[in-house]
């Protein structure tokens, strides 16, 4: 399963970025989609998740009220709108989907927040 993430880059603290992740319809449709991130020297952590019909979203505490996950089921794409970015948000961001109890990952997109 090929997940294609994009939208990362260098931004100053307080700025915004929007990440996108496209997936094959067979993987996207009907499945929860996830955004994870991995900072240098740290374990990969869940950032946000969204149910198939967008009825429920979940965020890790450090990004609540700053990040918004959404999806467009007509485009097989999940988004992560990141506002009020902080240097501690610097990480490689990965989208993911679980198929047959196995996580499938995109290639990651680097977000660097300068202070």
Protein backbone atom coordinates (compact mmCIF):
# COMPACT_ATOMS: atom_id res chain seq x y z
CA UNK A 1 0.00 0.00 0.00
CA UNK A 2 1.51 3.30 -1.07
CA UNK A 3 0.67 6.32 1.03
CA UNK A 4 2.02 9.62 -0.28
CA UNK A 5 2.55 12.39 2.25
CA UNK A 6 3.45 15.96 1.35
CA UNK A 7 3.36 19.49 2.68
CA UNK A 8 6.23 19.53 5.12
CA UNK A 9 8.83 22.26 5.23
CA UNK A 10 10.57 24.88 7.31
CA UNK A 11 8.41 27.33 9.20
CA UNK A 12 8.95 29.80 12.00
CA UNK A 13 7.39 29.25 15.39
CA UNK A 14 3.80 30.44 15.37
CA UNK A 15 3.36 29.61 11.70
CA UNK A 16 1.17 27.09 9.96
CA UNK A 17 1.50 24.16 7.59
CA UNK A 18 -0.96 21.76 6.04
CA UNK A 19 0.08 18.19 5.42
CA UNK A 20 -1.65 15.98 2.90
CA UNK A 21 -1.59 12.24 2.43
CA UNK A 22 -3.15 10.41 -0.47
CA UNK A 23 -3.85 6.70 -0.52
CA UNK A 24 -5.29 4.14 -2.88
CA UNK A 25 -9.04 4.03 -2.63
CA UNK A 26 -8.90 0.38 -1.59
CA UNK A 27 -6.88 1.35 1.49
CA UNK A 28 -8.53 4.66 2.25
CA UNK A 29 -12.21 3.92 1.96
CA UNK A 30 -13.88 2.80 5.15
CA UNK A 31 -10.73 2.96 7.27
CA UNK A 32 -9.48 5.08 10.11
CA UNK A 33 -6.56 7.25 9.04
CA UNK A 34 -3.71 8.30 11.28
CA UNK A 35 -0.99 10.90 11.50
CA UNK A 36 2.10 10.01 13.51
CA UNK A 37 5.34 11.85 14.01
CA UNK A 38 8.86 10.99 15.02
CA UNK A 39 11.23 13.58 16.39
CA UNK A 40 15.00 13.02 16.33
CA UNK A 41 15.99 10.55 19.01
CA UNK A 42 12.42 9.88 20.04
CA UNK A 43 9.85 7.18 19.46
CA UNK A 44 7.14 7.56 16.88
CA UNK A 45 4.00 8.96 18.47
CA UNK A 46 0.39 9.25 17.45
CA UNK A 47 -0.61 12.80 16.59
CA UNK A 48 -4.19 12.42 15.40
CA UNK A 49 -6.68 9.95 13.98
CA UNK A 50 -9.95 10.28 12.13
CA UNK A 51 -12.69 7.76 11.54
CA UNK A 52 -13.83 6.75 8.08
CA UNK A 53 -16.87 9.04 8.11
CA UNK A 54 -15.09 11.89 9.93
CA UNK A 55 -17.51 11.57 12.83
CA UNK A 56 -14.74 11.22 15.38
CA UNK A 57 -11.26 12.65 15.72
CA UNK A 58 -8.63 12.12 18.39
CA UNK A 59 -5.54 14.17 19.18
CA UNK A 60 -2.57 13.78 21.40
CA UNK A 61 -2.62 16.33 24.18
CA UNK A 62 0.26 18.48 22.99
CA UNK A 63 -1.45 19.33 19.68
CA UNK A 64 -5.05 19.77 20.81
CA UNK A 65 -6.53 23.11 19.78
CA UNK A 66 -3.62 23.67 17.37
CA UNK A 67 -3.88 20.81 14.88
CA UNK A 68 -6.90 19.65 12.91
CA UNK A 69 -7.19 16.35 11.09
CA UNK A 70 -9.66 16.04 8.24
CA UNK A 71 -10.27 13.88 5.20
CA UNK A 72 -11.80 14.13 1.78
CA UNK A 73 -13.25 10.78 0.87
CA UNK A 74 -13.79 11.86 -2.73
CA UNK A 75 -10.05 12.45 -3.11
CA UNK A 76 -8.82 9.61 -0.86
CA UNK A 77 -6.78 12.17 1.03
CA UNK A 78 -6.27 12.93 4.70
CA UNK A 79 -5.02 16.30 5.91
CA UNK A 80 -3.35 17.68 8.99
CA UNK A 81 -3.72 21.42 9.46
CA UNK A 82 -1.06 22.56 11.90
CA UNK A 83 -1.34 26.01 13.43
CA UNK A 84 0.66 27.85 16.05
CA UNK A 85 3.59 25.57 15.42
CA UNK A 86 6.25 25.19 18.08
CA UNK A 87 9.88 24.06 17.83
CA UNK A 88 8.89 20.87 19.65
CA UNK A 89 6.62 19.99 16.72
CA UNK A 90 9.73 19.43 14.63
CA UNK A 91 9.58 15.85 13.37
CA UNK A 92 9.01 13.62 10.41
CA UNK A 93 5.26 13.23 10.01
CA UNK A 94 3.80 9.99 8.73
CA UNK A 95 0.33 9.08 7.64
CA UNK A 96 -0.82 5.54 8.23
CA UNK A 97 -3.67 3.12 7.80
CA UNK A 98 -4.31 -0.24 9.41
CA UNK A 99 -5.18 -3.06 7.05
CA UNK A 100 -5.69 -6.61 8.29
CA UNK A 101 -4.25 -5.61 11.69
CA UNK A 102 -1.05 -4.27 10.16
CA UNK A 103 0.07 -0.66 9.99
CA UNK A 104 0.97 0.68 6.56
CA UNK A 105 3.07 3.84 6.52
CA UNK A 106 3.70 6.63 4.10
CA UNK A 107 7.24 7.80 3.42
CA UNK A 108 7.05 10.71 5.84
CA UNK A 109 7.35 14.44 5.38
CA UNK A 110 9.74 16.57 7.42
CA UNK A 111 8.42 19.50 9.41
CA UNK A 112 11.01 21.84 10.91
CA UNK A 113 9.91 24.65 13.19
CA UNK A 114 12.51 27.30 13.94
CA UNK A 115 12.44 29.39 17.09
